């Protein structure tokens, strides 16, 4: 049987041994390194892109429940363990101590779980807390979760600009309290992606191909950035004694609206049929807005309209908003062209 080997790949010729199957030999050195002998069983996992993964042991189907000792962790680190196991895609997991949890430790653990979408405390004792997922993973739509994240991020952005123009400090403070909503939605996207990549084909795996799952993760990251821009606008709104007026108000309102439109159109291009034309439209809008920002350079307004320092901060936040939308549109275009 002929074969060839390089540092990055090993090739083998497919052989026919009967009417129902083909065989391919494994490199002896690789098999020895992994403890394989003749007669051992290996496991094959086909993927949509044509890849066939070979493993020497069966991959978990996601039904094994981790049971972790957290004796050596401080109270402030316990929530990170809950978050990490949730994002890793676990449907059920337990945090355990050899002695007993203090009231503060138990509160830190359960609060962290309650802050995550679809997670609840399933069992609780003096020395252990067990969580379980309330929603079946196959019912989770990564695309719908991205749409939810877009809604939260753009709602924050819209509320922040309204707070700015209305001098509404209460609304600005509400915006600054909303990042937790963004974090929850992003954690859910991360969870869906981890399950898609980590689980073998089966009923527990979200129904989306690997590349699309990674695309959605990247888009969710950009939407996190849009929410951060909203926070910056809200922070400026709290700093200002009076709202922008005159030309400053009209230009800021125009740029805010247009930057959000870039994001809206870009996300639409990733979800609704993935039409490249929608992505092109978002990219055109982003480019036009960037050119207008360049022409604006350092905004200079009358002192009674807005302080130039705060104007610069606001335009920078809006410029970044459009940039996030542009990167989503680039990702959407790639997704759309890949399917043609």
Foldseek 3Di string as FASTA:
>chain_A
DDWDDDPVDTDFDWADDDDPDIDTDDPPVVCVVVPHDPPQDWDWFAAPVGDIDIGSDDADQLPDEEEEECAPPDLVCLLVVVLVCQLLQHQKYKYFYPPFDDPSSVCSNQVSQVLAPQKHFDDDDRTMTMIGGNDQLQPDDLLVLLVVLLVLLLVLQVLLLVCQQVLPLVSLVVLVVSVSVLVNSLSVLSNLLSQQVRHGDDSRHHPDHNVLSVLSNLLSVLSNLSSVLSNLSSVLSNVDPHHADDPLSVVLVVLSVLLSVLQVLLSCCQPVLVDLVSLVVSLVSLVVSVVVCVVCPQPDDPVVRDDSVSSVSSVVSSNSSSVSSNVSSVSSNVVSVVVD
